[in-house]
mmCIF file of all heavy atoms, coordinates in Angstrom:
data_MODEL
# 
_entry.id   MODEL 
# 
loop_
_atom_site.group_PDB 
_atom_site.id 
_atom_site.type_symbol 
_atom_site.label_atom_id 
_atom_site.label_alt_id 
_atom_site.label_comp_id 
_atom_site.label_asym_id 
_atom_site.label_entity_id 
_atom_site.label_seq_id 
_atom_site.pdbx_PDB_ins_code 
_atom_site.Cartn_x 
_atom_site.Cartn_y 
_atom_site.Cartn_z 
_atom_site.occupancy 
_atom_site.B_iso_or_equiv 
_atom_site.pdbx_formal_charge 
_atom_site.auth_seq_id 
_atom_site.auth_comp_id 
_atom_site.auth_asym_id 
_atom_site.auth_atom_id 
_atom_site.pdbx_PDB_model_num 
ATOM 1   N N   . TRP A 1 1  ? 54.981 -99.339  90.498 1.00 0.00 ? 1  TRP A N   1 
ATOM 2   C CA  . TRP A 1 1  ? 54.738 -99.961  91.766 1.00 0.00 ? 1  TRP A CA  1 
ATOM 3   C C   . TRP A 1 1  ? 56.036 -100.223 92.516 1.00 0.00 ? 1  TRP A C   1 
ATOM 4   O O   . TRP A 1 1  ? 56.201 -99.909  93.686 1.00 0.00 ? 1  TRP A O   1 
ATOM 5   C CB  . TRP A 1 1  ? 53.960 -101.261 91.647 1.00 0.00 ? 1  TRP A CB  1 
ATOM 6   C CG  . TRP A 1 1  ? 52.781 -101.161 90.696 1.00 0.00 ? 1  TRP A CG  1 
ATOM 7   C CD1 . TRP A 1 1  ? 52.748 -101.555 89.405 1.00 0.00 ? 1  TRP A CD1 1 
ATOM 8   C CD2 . TRP A 1 1  ? 51.435 -100.758 91.074 1.00 0.00 ? 1  TRP A CD2 1 
ATOM 9   N NE1 . TRP A 1 1  ? 51.473 -101.346 88.892 1.00 0.00 ? 1  TRP A NE1 1 
ATOM 10  C CE2 . TRP A 1 1  ? 50.688 -100.859 89.890 1.00 0.00 ? 1  TRP A CE2 1 
ATOM 11  C CE3 . TRP A 1 1  ? 50.852 -100.299 92.219 1.00 0.00 ? 1  TRP A CE3 1 
ATOM 12  C CZ2 . TRP A 1 1  ? 49.302 -100.526 89.858 1.00 0.00 ? 1  TRP A CZ2 1 
ATOM 13  C CZ3 . TRP A 1 1  ? 49.528 -99.988  92.224 1.00 0.00 ? 1  TRP A CZ3 1 
ATOM 14  C CH2 . TRP A 1 1  ? 48.769 -100.087 91.074 1.00 0.00 ? 1  TRP A CH2 1 
ATOM 15  N N   . ALA A 1 2  ? 56.963 -100.929 91.833 1.00 0.00 ? 2  ALA A N   1 
ATOM 16  C CA  . ALA A 1 2  ? 58.170 -101.359 92.506 1.00 0.00 ? 2  ALA A CA  1 
ATOM 17  C C   . ALA A 1 2  ? 59.420 -100.655 92.044 1.00 0.00 ? 2  ALA A C   1 
ATOM 18  O O   . ALA A 1 2  ? 60.514 -100.954 92.461 1.00 0.00 ? 2  ALA A O   1 
ATOM 19  C CB  . ALA A 1 2  ? 58.327 -102.883 92.311 1.00 0.00 ? 2  ALA A CB  1 
ATOM 20  N N   . ASN A 1 3  ? 59.223 -99.678  91.138 1.00 0.00 ? 3  ASN A N   1 
ATOM 21  C CA  . ASN A 1 3  ? 60.418 -98.962  90.592 1.00 0.00 ? 3  ASN A CA  1 
ATOM 22  C C   . ASN A 1 3  ? 60.312 -97.460  90.774 1.00 0.00 ? 3  ASN A C   1 
ATOM 23  O O   . ASN A 1 3  ? 61.309 -96.773  90.486 1.00 0.00 ? 3  ASN A O   1 
ATOM 24  C CB  . ASN A 1 3  ? 60.479 -99.206  89.064 1.00 0.00 ? 3  ASN A CB  1 
ATOM 25  C CG  . ASN A 1 3  ? 60.638 -100.718 88.793 1.00 0.00 ? 3  ASN A CG  1 
ATOM 26  O OD1 . ASN A 1 3  ? 61.727 -101.234 88.875 1.00 0.00 ? 3  ASN A OD1 1 
ATOM 27  N ND2 . ASN A 1 3  ? 59.551 -101.317 88.419 1.00 0.00 ? 3  ASN A ND2 1 
ATOM 28  N N   . GLY A 1 4  ? 59.231 -96.984  91.276 1.00 0.00 ? 4  GLY A N   1 
ATOM 29  C CA  . GLY A 1 4  ? 59.106 -95.516  91.484 1.00 0.00 ? 4  GLY A CA  1 
ATOM 30  C C   . GLY A 1 4  ? 59.060 -94.767  90.135 1.00 0.00 ? 4  GLY A C   1 
ATOM 31  O O   . GLY A 1 4  ? 58.212 -95.075  89.307 1.00 0.00 ? 4  GLY A O   1 
ATOM 32  N N   . TYR A 1 5  ? 59.895 -93.780  89.993 1.00 0.00 ? 5  TYR A N   1 
ATOM 33  C CA  . TYR A 1 5  ? 59.782 -92.924  88.847 1.00 0.00 ? 5  TYR A CA  1 
ATOM 34  C C   . TYR A 1 5  ? 60.926 -92.993  87.864 1.00 0.00 ? 5  TYR A C   1 
ATOM 35  O O   . TYR A 1 5  ? 61.043 -92.187  86.888 1.00 0.00 ? 5  TYR A O   1 
ATOM 36  C CB  . TYR A 1 5  ? 59.685 -91.411  89.350 1.00 0.00 ? 5  TYR A CB  1 
ATOM 37  C CG  . TYR A 1 5  ? 58.344 -91.175  90.094 1.00 0.00 ? 5  TYR A CG  1 
ATOM 38  C CD1 . TYR A 1 5  ? 58.230 -91.259  91.476 1.00 0.00 ? 5  TYR A CD1 1 
ATOM 39  C CD2 . TYR A 1 5  ? 57.206 -90.825  89.332 1.00 0.00 ? 5  TYR A CD2 1 
ATOM 40  C CE1 . TYR A 1 5  ? 57.081 -91.020  92.129 1.00 0.00 ? 5  TYR A CE1 1 
ATOM 41  C CE2 . TYR A 1 5  ? 55.989 -90.542  90.000 1.00 0.00 ? 5  TYR A CE2 1 
ATOM 42  C CZ  . TYR A 1 5  ? 55.934 -90.694  91.396 1.00 0.00 ? 5  TYR A CZ  1 
ATOM 43  O OH  . TYR A 1 5  ? 54.745 -90.405  92.034 1.00 0.00 ? 5  TYR A OH  1 
ATOM 44  N N   . ASN A 1 6  ? 61.818 -93.944  88.038 1.00 0.00 ? 6  ASN A N   1 
ATOM 45  C CA  . ASN A 1 6  ? 62.997 -94.013  87.178 1.00 0.00 ? 6  ASN A CA  1 
ATOM 46  C C   . ASN A 1 6  ? 62.841 -94.869  85.931 1.00 0.00 ? 6  ASN A C   1 
ATOM 47  O O   . ASN A 1 6  ? 63.698 -94.958  85.124 1.00 0.00 ? 6  ASN A O   1 
ATOM 48  C CB  . ASN A 1 6  ? 64.223 -94.463  87.959 1.00 0.00 ? 6  ASN A CB  1 
ATOM 49  C CG  . ASN A 1 6  ? 64.176 -95.907  88.321 1.00 0.00 ? 6  ASN A CG  1 
ATOM 50  O OD1 . ASN A 1 6  ? 63.117 -96.498  88.438 1.00 0.00 ? 6  ASN A OD1 1 
ATOM 51  N ND2 . ASN A 1 6  ? 65.355 -96.488  88.545 1.00 0.00 ? 6  ASN A ND2 1 
ATOM 52  N N   . LYS A 1 7  ? 61.692 -95.537  85.866 1.00 0.00 ? 7  LYS A N   1 
ATOM 53  C CA  . LYS A 1 7  ? 61.465 -96.451  84.749 1.00 0.00 ? 7  LYS A CA  1 
ATOM 54  C C   . LYS A 1 7  ? 60.375 -95.814  83.786 1.00 0.00 ? 7  LYS A C   1 
ATOM 55  O O   . LYS A 1 7  ? 59.286 -95.826  84.147 1.00 0.00 ? 7  LYS A O   1 
ATOM 56  C CB  . LYS A 1 7  ? 61.008 -97.858  85.248 1.00 0.00 ? 7  LYS A CB  1 
ATOM 57  C CG  . LYS A 1 7  ? 60.992 -98.913  84.202 1.00 0.00 ? 7  LYS A CG  1 
ATOM 58  C CD  . LYS A 1 7  ? 60.608 -100.277 84.863 1.00 0.00 ? 7  LYS A CD  1 
ATOM 59  C CE  . LYS A 1 7  ? 60.797 -101.374 83.918 1.00 0.00 ? 7  LYS A CE  1 
ATOM 60  N NZ  . LYS A 1 7  ? 60.370 -102.710 84.472 1.00 0.00 ? 7  LYS A NZ  1 
ATOM 61  N N   . HIS A 1 8  ? 60.811 -95.342  82.706 1.00 0.00 ? 8  HIS A N   1 
ATOM 62  C CA  . HIS A 1 8  ? 59.985 -94.655  81.791 1.00 0.00 ? 8  HIS A CA  1 
ATOM 63  C C   . HIS A 1 8  ? 59.404 -95.608  80.671 1.00 0.00 ? 8  HIS A C   1 
ATOM 64  O O   . HIS A 1 8  ? 60.145 -96.372  80.146 1.00 0.00 ? 8  HIS A O   1 
ATOM 65  C CB  . HIS A 1 8  ? 60.712 -93.530  81.069 1.00 0.00 ? 8  HIS A CB  1 
ATOM 66  C CG  . HIS A 1 8  ? 61.150 -92.415  82.034 1.00 0.00 ? 8  HIS A CG  1 
ATOM 67  N ND1 . HIS A 1 8  ? 60.513 -91.177  82.135 1.00 0.00 ? 8  HIS A ND1 1 
ATOM 68  C CD2 . HIS A 1 8  ? 62.156 -92.389  82.966 1.00 0.00 ? 8  HIS A CD2 1 
ATOM 69  C CE1 . HIS A 1 8  ? 61.087 -90.420  82.975 1.00 0.00 ? 8  HIS A CE1 1 
ATOM 70  N NE2 . HIS A 1 8  ? 62.113 -91.128  83.564 1.00 0.00 ? 8  HIS A NE2 1 
ATOM 71  N N   . TYR A 1 9  ? 58.130 -95.499  80.445 1.00 0.00 ? 9  TYR A N   1 
ATOM 72  C CA  . TYR A 1 9  ? 57.469 -96.298  79.427 1.00 0.00 ? 9  TYR A CA  1 
ATOM 73  C C   . TYR A 1 9  ? 56.669 -95.515  78.447 1.00 0.00 ? 9  TYR A C   1 
ATOM 74  O O   . TYR A 1 9  ? 56.256 -96.038  77.372 1.00 0.00 ? 9  TYR A O   1 
ATOM 75  C CB  . TYR A 1 9  ? 56.486 -97.270  80.100 1.00 0.00 ? 9  TYR A CB  1 
ATOM 76  C CG  . TYR A 1 9  ? 57.023 -98.597  80.595 1.00 0.00 ? 9  TYR A CG  1 
ATOM 77  C CD1 . TYR A 1 9  ? 57.279 -98.816  81.911 1.00 0.00 ? 9  TYR A CD1 1 
ATOM 78  C CD2 . TYR A 1 9  ? 57.229 -99.646  79.682 1.00 0.00 ? 9  TYR A CD2 1 
ATOM 79  C CE1 . TYR A 1 9  ? 57.780 -100.031 82.382 1.00 0.00 ? 9  TYR A CE1 1 
ATOM 80  C CE2 . TYR A 1 9  ? 57.740 -100.904 80.107 1.00 0.00 ? 9  TYR A CE2 1 
ATOM 81  C CZ  . TYR A 1 9  ? 58.002 -101.074 81.487 1.00 0.00 ? 9  TYR A CZ  1 
ATOM 82  O OH  . TYR A 1 9  ? 58.445 -102.273 81.966 1.00 0.00 ? 9  TYR A OH  1 
ATOM 83  N N   . GLY A 1 10 ? 56.456 -94.223  78.755 1.00 0.00 ? 10 GLY A N   1 
ATOM 84  C CA  . GLY A 1 10 ? 55.419 -93.484  77.994 1.00 0.00 ? 10 GLY A CA  1 
ATOM 85  C C   . GLY A 1 10 ? 55.808 -93.036  76.617 1.00 0.00 ? 10 GLY A C   1 
ATOM 86  O O   . GLY A 1 10 ? 56.973 -92.869  76.256 1.00 0.00 ? 10 GLY A O   1 
ATOM 87  N N   . LEU A 1 11 ? 54.734 -92.737  75.792 1.00 0.00 ? 11 LEU A N   1 
ATOM 88  C CA  . LEU A 1 11 ? 54.946 -92.025  74.577 1.00 0.00 ? 11 LEU A CA  1 
ATOM 89  C C   . LEU A 1 11 ? 55.228 -90.572  74.821 1.00 0.00 ? 11 LEU A C   1 
ATOM 90  O O   . LEU A 1 11 ? 55.836 -89.854  73.993 1.00 0.00 ? 11 LEU A O   1 
ATOM 91  C CB  . LEU A 1 11 ? 53.693 -92.154  73.706 1.00 0.00 ? 11 LEU A CB  1 
ATOM 92  C CG  . LEU A 1 11 ? 53.264 -93.535  73.207 1.00 0.00 ? 11 LEU A CG  1 
ATOM 93  C CD1 . LEU A 1 11 ? 51.939 -93.411  72.427 1.00 0.00 ? 11 LEU A CD1 1 
ATOM 94  C CD2 . LEU A 1 11 ? 54.345 -94.175  72.382 1.00 0.00 ? 11 LEU A CD2 1 
ATOM 95  N N   . PHE A 1 12 ? 54.813 -90.111  76.007 1.00 0.00 ? 12 PHE A N   1 
ATOM 96  C CA  . PHE A 1 12 ? 54.974 -88.732  76.376 1.00 0.00 ? 12 PHE A CA  1 
ATOM 97  C C   . PHE A 1 12 ? 55.742 -88.627  77.699 1.00 0.00 ? 12 PHE A C   1 
ATOM 98  O O   . PHE A 1 12 ? 55.398 -89.341  78.639 1.00 0.00 ? 12 PHE A O   1 
ATOM 99  C CB  . PHE A 1 12 ? 53.539 -88.001  76.536 1.00 0.00 ? 12 PHE A CB  1 
ATOM 100 C CG  . PHE A 1 12 ? 52.713 -88.118  75.322 1.00 0.00 ? 12 PHE A CG  1 
ATOM 101 C CD1 . PHE A 1 12 ? 51.623 -88.932  75.321 1.00 0.00 ? 12 PHE A CD1 1 
ATOM 102 C CD2 . PHE A 1 12 ? 53.088 -87.398  74.186 1.00 0.00 ? 12 PHE A CD2 1 
ATOM 103 C CE1 . PHE A 1 12 ? 50.838 -89.049  74.224 1.00 0.00 ? 12 PHE A CE1 1 
ATOM 104 C CE2 . PHE A 1 12 ? 52.303 -87.548  73.035 1.00 0.00 ? 12 PHE A CE2 1 
ATOM 105 C CZ  . PHE A 1 12 ? 51.162 -88.390  72.996 1.00 0.00 ? 12 PHE A CZ  1 
ATOM 106 N N   . TYR A 1 13 ? 56.770 -87.866  77.695 1.00 0.00 ? 13 TYR A N   1 
ATOM 107 C CA  . TYR A 1 13 ? 57.641 -87.727  78.830 1.00 0.00 ? 13 TYR A CA  1 
ATOM 108 C C   . TYR A 1 13 ? 56.971 -86.776  79.828 1.00 0.00 ? 13 TYR A C   1 
ATOM 109 O O   . TYR A 1 13 ? 56.375 -85.754  79.466 1.00 0.00 ? 13 TYR A O   1 
ATOM 110 C CB  . TYR A 1 13 ? 58.951 -87.132  78.371 1.00 0.00 ? 13 TYR A CB  1 
ATOM 111 C CG  . TYR A 1 13 ? 60.011 -86.927  79.449 1.00 0.00 ? 13 TYR A CG  1 
ATOM 112 C CD1 . TYR A 1 13 ? 61.000 -87.963  79.693 1.00 0.00 ? 13 TYR A CD1 1 
ATOM 113 C CD2 . TYR A 1 13 ? 60.052 -85.786  80.255 1.00 0.00 ? 13 TYR A CD2 1 
ATOM 114 C CE1 . TYR A 1 13 ? 61.947 -87.801  80.651 1.00 0.00 ? 13 TYR A CE1 1 
ATOM 115 C CE2 . TYR A 1 13 ? 61.055 -85.626  81.217 1.00 0.00 ? 13 TYR A CE2 1 
ATOM 116 C CZ  . TYR A 1 13 ? 61.984 -86.632  81.449 1.00 0.00 ? 13 TYR A CZ  1 
ATOM 117 O OH  . TYR A 1 13 ? 62.977 -86.476  82.376 1.00 0.00 ? 13 TYR A OH  1 
ATOM 118 N N   . VAL A 1 14 ? 57.023 -87.176  81.151 1.00 0.00 ? 14 VAL A N   1 
ATOM 119 C CA  . VAL A 1 14 ? 56.451 -86.319  82.177 1.00 0.00 ? 14 VAL A CA  1 
ATOM 120 C C   . VAL A 1 14 ? 57.578 -85.857  83.057 1.00 0.00 ? 14 VAL A C   1 
ATOM 121 O O   . VAL A 1 14 ? 58.343 -86.695  83.601 1.00 0.00 ? 14 VAL A O   1 
ATOM 122 C CB  . VAL A 1 14 ? 55.429 -87.090  82.985 1.00 0.00 ? 14 VAL A CB  1 
ATOM 123 C CG1 . VAL A 1 14 ? 54.896 -86.237  84.160 1.00 0.00 ? 14 VAL A CG1 1 
ATOM 124 C CG2 . VAL A 1 14 ? 54.262 -87.579  82.129 1.00 0.00 ? 14 VAL A CG2 1 
ATOM 125 N N   . ASP A 1 15 ? 57.696 -84.562  83.209 1.00 0.00 ? 15 ASP A N   1 
ATOM 126 C CA  . ASP A 1 15 ? 58.572 -83.982  84.238 1.00 0.00 ? 15 ASP A CA  1 
ATOM 127 C C   . ASP A 1 15 ? 57.781 -84.031  85.477 1.00 0.00 ? 15 ASP A C   1 
ATOM 128 O O   . ASP A 1 15 ? 56.897 -83.273  85.724 1.00 0.00 ? 15 ASP A O   1 
ATOM 129 C CB  . ASP A 1 15 ? 58.921 -82.516  83.836 1.00 0.00 ? 15 ASP A CB  1 
ATOM 130 C CG  . ASP A 1 15 ? 59.867 -81.873  84.852 1.00 0.00 ? 15 ASP A CG  1 
ATOM 131 O OD1 . ASP A 1 15 ? 59.764 -82.199  86.069 1.00 0.00 ? 15 ASP A OD1 1 
ATOM 132 O OD2 . ASP A 1 15 ? 60.676 -81.013  84.490 1.00 0.00 ? 15 ASP A OD2 1 
ATOM 133 N N   . PHE A 1 16 ? 58.134 -84.899  86.426 1.00 0.00 ? 16 PHE A N   1 
ATOM 134 C CA  . PHE A 1 16 ? 57.317 -85.208  87.566 1.00 0.00 ? 16 PHE A CA  1 
ATOM 135 C C   . PHE A 1 16 ? 57.325 -83.968  88.591 1.00 0.00 ? 16 PHE A C   1 
ATOM 136 O O   . PHE A 1 16 ? 56.485 -83.917  89.478 1.00 0.00 ? 16 PHE A O   1 
ATOM 137 C CB  . PHE A 1 16 ? 57.684 -86.504  88.268 1.00 0.00 ? 16 PHE A CB  1 
ATOM 138 C CG  . PHE A 1 16 ? 57.345 -87.689  87.457 1.00 0.00 ? 16 PHE A CG  1 
ATOM 139 C CD1 . PHE A 1 16 ? 58.331 -88.419  86.814 1.00 0.00 ? 16 PHE A CD1 1 
ATOM 140 C CD2 . PHE A 1 16 ? 55.966 -88.129  87.269 1.00 0.00 ? 16 PHE A CD2 1 
ATOM 141 C CE1 . PHE A 1 16 ? 58.073 -89.546  86.047 1.00 0.00 ? 16 PHE A CE1 1 
ATOM 142 C CE2 . PHE A 1 16 ? 55.662 -89.202  86.485 1.00 0.00 ? 16 PHE A CE2 1 
ATOM 143 C CZ  . PHE A 1 16 ? 56.719 -89.921  85.870 1.00 0.00 ? 16 PHE A CZ  1 
ATOM 144 N N   . ASP A 1 17 ? 58.326 -83.128  88.442 1.00 0.00 ? 17 ASP A N   1 
ATOM 145 C CA  . ASP A 1 17 ? 58.377 -81.918  89.304 1.00 0.00 ? 17 ASP A CA  1 
ATOM 146 C C   . ASP A 1 17 ? 57.354 -80.892  88.839 1.00 0.00 ? 17 ASP A C   1 
ATOM 147 O O   . ASP A 1 17 ? 56.756 -80.213  89.655 1.00 0.00 ? 17 ASP A O   1 
ATOM 148 C CB  . ASP A 1 17 ? 59.803 -81.364  89.357 1.00 0.00 ? 17 ASP A CB  1 
ATOM 149 C CG  . ASP A 1 17 ? 60.803 -82.276  89.997 1.00 0.00 ? 17 ASP A CG  1 
ATOM 150 O OD1 . ASP A 1 17 ? 60.332 -82.955  90.969 1.00 0.00 ? 17 ASP A OD1 1 
ATOM 151 O OD2 . ASP A 1 17 ? 61.949 -82.276  89.608 1.00 0.00 ? 17 ASP A OD2 1 
ATOM 152 N N   . THR A 1 18 ? 57.275 -80.698  87.574 1.00 0.00 ? 18 THR A N   1 
ATOM 153 C CA  . THR A 1 18 ? 56.368 -79.621  86.999 1.00 0.00 ? 18 THR A CA  1 
ATOM 154 C C   . THR A 1 18 ? 55.134 -80.209  86.378 1.00 0.00 ? 18 THR A C   1 
ATOM 155 O O   . THR A 1 18 ? 54.152 -79.458  86.124 1.00 0.00 ? 18 THR A O   1 
ATOM 156 C CB  . THR A 1 18 ? 57.114 -78.844  85.949 1.00 0.00 ? 18 THR A CB  1 
ATOM 157 O OG1 . THR A 1 18 ? 57.380 -79.724  84.763 1.00 0.00 ? 18 THR A OG1 1 
ATOM 158 C CG2 . THR A 1 18 ? 58.454 -78.281  86.341 1.00 0.00 ? 18 THR A CG2 1 
ATOM 159 N N   . GLN A 1 19 ? 55.072 -81.514  86.180 1.00 0.00 ? 19 GLN A N   1 
ATOM 160 C CA  . GLN A 1 19 ? 53.991 -82.199  85.460 1.00 0.00 ? 19 GLN A CA  1 
ATOM 161 C C   . GLN A 1 19 ? 53.861 -81.810  83.985 1.00 0.00 ? 19 GLN A C   1 
ATOM 162 O O   . GLN A 1 19 ? 52.830 -82.107  83.390 1.00 0.00 ? 19 GLN A O   1 
ATOM 163 C CB  . GLN A 1 19 ? 52.652 -82.020  86.229 1.00 0.00 ? 19 GLN A CB  1 
ATOM 164 C CG  . GLN A 1 19 ? 52.545 -82.749  87.491 1.00 0.00 ? 19 GLN A CG  1 
ATOM 165 C CD  . GLN A 1 19 ? 52.662 -84.264  87.325 1.00 0.00 ? 19 GLN A CD  1 
ATOM 166 O OE1 . GLN A 1 19 ? 52.160 -84.795  86.438 1.00 0.00 ? 19 GLN A OE1 1 
ATOM 167 N NE2 . GLN A 1 19 ? 53.398 -84.906  88.245 1.00 0.00 ? 19 GLN A NE2 1 
ATOM 168 N N   . LYS A 1 20 ? 54.836 -81.138  83.466 1.00 0.00 ? 20 LYS A N   1 
ATOM 169 C CA  . LYS A 1 20 ? 54.762 -80.765  82.062 1.00 0.00 ? 20 LYS A CA  1 
ATOM 170 C C   . LYS A 1 20 ? 54.998 -81.986  81.191 1.00 0.00 ? 20 LYS A C   1 
ATOM 171 O O   . LYS A 1 20 ? 55.814 -82.897  81.527 1.00 0.00 ? 20 LYS A O   1 
ATOM 172 C CB  . LYS A 1 20 ? 55.779 -79.661  81.764 1.00 0.00 ? 20 LYS A CB  1 
ATOM 173 C CG  . LYS A 1 20 ? 55.592 -79.141  80.330 1.00 0.00 ? 20 LYS A CG  1 
ATOM 174 C CD  . LYS A 1 20 ? 56.415 -77.818  80.155 1.00 0.00 ? 20 LYS A CD  1 
ATOM 175 C CE  . LYS A 1 20 ? 56.167 -77.266  78.768 1.00 0.00 ? 20 LYS A CE  1 
ATOM 176 N NZ  . LYS A 1 20 ? 56.945 -76.045  78.530 1.00 0.00 ? 20 LYS A NZ  1 
ATOM 177 N N   . ARG A 1 21 ? 54.232 -82.095  80.107 1.00 0.00 ? 21 ARG A N   1 
ATOM 178 C CA  . ARG A 1 21 ? 54.356 -83.187  79.151 1.00 0.00 ? 21 ARG A CA  1 
ATOM 179 C C   . ARG A 1 21 ? 55.304 -82.799  77.961 1.00 0.00 ? 21 ARG A C   1 
ATOM 180 O O   . ARG A 1 21 ? 55.174 -81.660  77.517 1.00 0.00 ? 21 ARG A O   1 
ATOM 181 C CB  . ARG A 1 21 ? 52.972 -83.553  78.588 1.00 0.00 ? 21 ARG A CB  1 
ATOM 182 C CG  . ARG A 1 21 ? 52.186 -84.574  79.364 1.00 0.00 ? 21 ARG A CG  1 
ATOM 183 C CD  . ARG A 1 21 ? 51.782 -84.161  80.744 1.00 0.00 ? 21 ARG A CD  1 
ATOM 184 N NE  . ARG A 1 21 ? 50.810 -85.085  81.314 1.00 0.00 ? 21 ARG A NE  1 
ATOM 185 C CZ  . ARG A 1 21 ? 50.649 -85.307  82.574 1.00 0.00 ? 21 ARG A CZ  1 
ATOM 186 N NH1 . ARG A 1 21 ? 51.390 -84.663  83.488 1.00 0.00 ? 21 ARG A NH1 1 
ATOM 187 N NH2 . ARG A 1 21 ? 49.729 -86.138  83.007 1.00 0.00 ? 21 ARG A NH2 1 
ATOM 188 N N   . TYR A 1 22 ? 56.081 -83.720  77.514 1.00 0.00 ? 22 TYR A N   1 
ATOM 189 C CA  . TYR A 1 22 ? 56.950 -83.535  76.367 1.00 0.00 ? 22 TYR A CA  1 
ATOM 190 C C   . TYR A 1 22 ? 56.840 -84.714  75.401 1.00 0.00 ? 22 TYR A C   1 
ATOM 191 O O   . TYR A 1 22 ? 56.669 -85.881  75.784 1.00 0.00 ? 22 TYR A O   1 
ATOM 192 C CB  . TYR A 1 22 ? 58.439 -83.382  76.790 1.00 0.00 ? 22 TYR A CB  1 
ATOM 193 C CG  . TYR A 1 22 ? 58.674 -82.191  77.679 1.00 0.00 ? 22 TYR A CG  1 
ATOM 194 C CD1 . TYR A 1 22 ? 58.644 -82.317  79.045 1.00 0.00 ? 22 TYR A CD1 1 
ATOM 195 C CD2 . TYR A 1 22 ? 58.936 -80.931  77.101 1.00 0.00 ? 22 TYR A CD2 1 
ATOM 196 C CE1 . TYR A 1 22 ? 58.934 -81.210  79.885 1.00 0.00 ? 22 TYR A CE1 1 
ATOM 197 C CE2 . TYR A 1 22 ? 59.203 -79.849  77.931 1.00 0.00 ? 22 TYR A CE2 1 
ATOM 198 C CZ  . TYR A 1 22 ? 59.165 -80.032  79.328 1.00 0.00 ? 22 TYR A CZ  1 
ATOM 199 O OH  . TYR A 1 22 ? 59.372 -78.971  80.169 1.00 0.00 ? 22 TYR A OH  1 
ATOM 200 N N   . VAL A 1 23 ? 56.855 -84.372  74.146 1.00 0.00 ? 23 VAL A N   1 
ATOM 201 C CA  . VAL A 1 23 ? 56.700 -85.437  73.104 1.00 0.00 ? 23 VAL A CA  1 
ATOM 202 C C   . VAL A 1 23 ? 57.960 -86.243  72.922 1.00 0.00 ? 23 VAL A C   1 
ATOM 203 O O   . VAL A 1 23 ? 59.050 -85.685  72.824 1.00 0.00 ? 23 VAL A O   1 
ATOM 204 C CB  . VAL A 1 23 ? 56.216 -84.804  71.764 1.00 0.00 ? 23 VAL A CB  1 
ATOM 205 C CG1 . VAL A 1 23 ? 56.175 -85.848  70.673 1.00 0.00 ? 23 VAL A CG1 1 
ATOM 206 C CG2 . VAL A 1 23 ? 54.886 -84.084  71.960 1.00 0.00 ? 23 VAL A CG2 1 
ATOM 207 N N   . LYS A 1 24 ? 57.833 -87.539  72.830 1.00 0.00 ? 24 LYS A N   1 
ATOM 208 C CA  . LYS A 1 24 ? 58.965 -88.416  72.495 1.00 0.00 ? 24 LYS A CA  1 
ATOM 209 C C   . LYS A 1 24 ? 58.831 -88.769  70.967 1.00 0.00 ? 24 LYS A C   1 
ATOM 210 O O   . LYS A 1 24 ? 57.772 -88.721  70.386 1.00 0.00 ? 24 LYS A O   1 
ATOM 211 C CB  . LYS A 1 24 ? 58.975 -89.666  73.317 1.00 0.00 ? 24 LYS A CB  1 
ATOM 212 C CG  . LYS A 1 24 ? 59.017 -89.410  74.830 1.00 0.00 ? 24 LYS A CG  1 
ATOM 213 C CD  . LYS A 1 24 ? 59.130 -90.757  75.569 1.00 0.00 ? 24 LYS A CD  1 
ATOM 214 C CE  . LYS A 1 24 ? 59.008 -90.552  77.088 1.00 0.00 ? 24 LYS A CE  1 
ATOM 215 N NZ  . LYS A 1 24 ? 58.968 -91.795  77.842 1.00 0.00 ? 24 LYS A NZ  1 
ATOM 216 N N   . LYS A 1 25 ? 59.928 -89.213  70.450 1.00 0.00 ? 25 LYS A N   1 
ATOM 217 C CA  . LYS A 1 25 ? 59.981 -89.634  69.044 1.00 0.00 ? 25 LYS A CA  1 
ATOM 218 C C   . LYS A 1 25 ? 59.062 -90.779  68.800 1.00 0.00 ? 25 LYS A C   1 
ATOM 219 O O   . LYS A 1 25 ? 58.430 -90.852  67.726 1.00 0.00 ? 25 LYS A O   1 
ATOM 220 C CB  . LYS A 1 25 ? 61.399 -89.953  68.631 1.00 0.00 ? 25 LYS A CB  1 
ATOM 221 C CG  . LYS A 1 25 ? 61.530 -90.083  67.089 1.00 0.00 ? 25 LYS A CG  1 
ATOM 222 C CD  . LYS A 1 25 ? 63.021 -90.134  66.679 1.00 0.00 ? 25 LYS A CD  1 
ATOM 223 C CE  . LYS A 1 25 ? 63.154 -90.211  65.178 1.00 0.00 ? 25 LYS A CE  1 
ATOM 224 N NZ  . LYS A 1 25 ? 64.588 -90.225  64.737 1.00 0.00 ? 25 LYS A NZ  1 
# 
């Protein structure tokens, strides 16, 4: 809401340009 796209929380990384998912450790 207040941080846009630079604050990552997910178990899965999202490339917001391609929407491709990548696994995090």
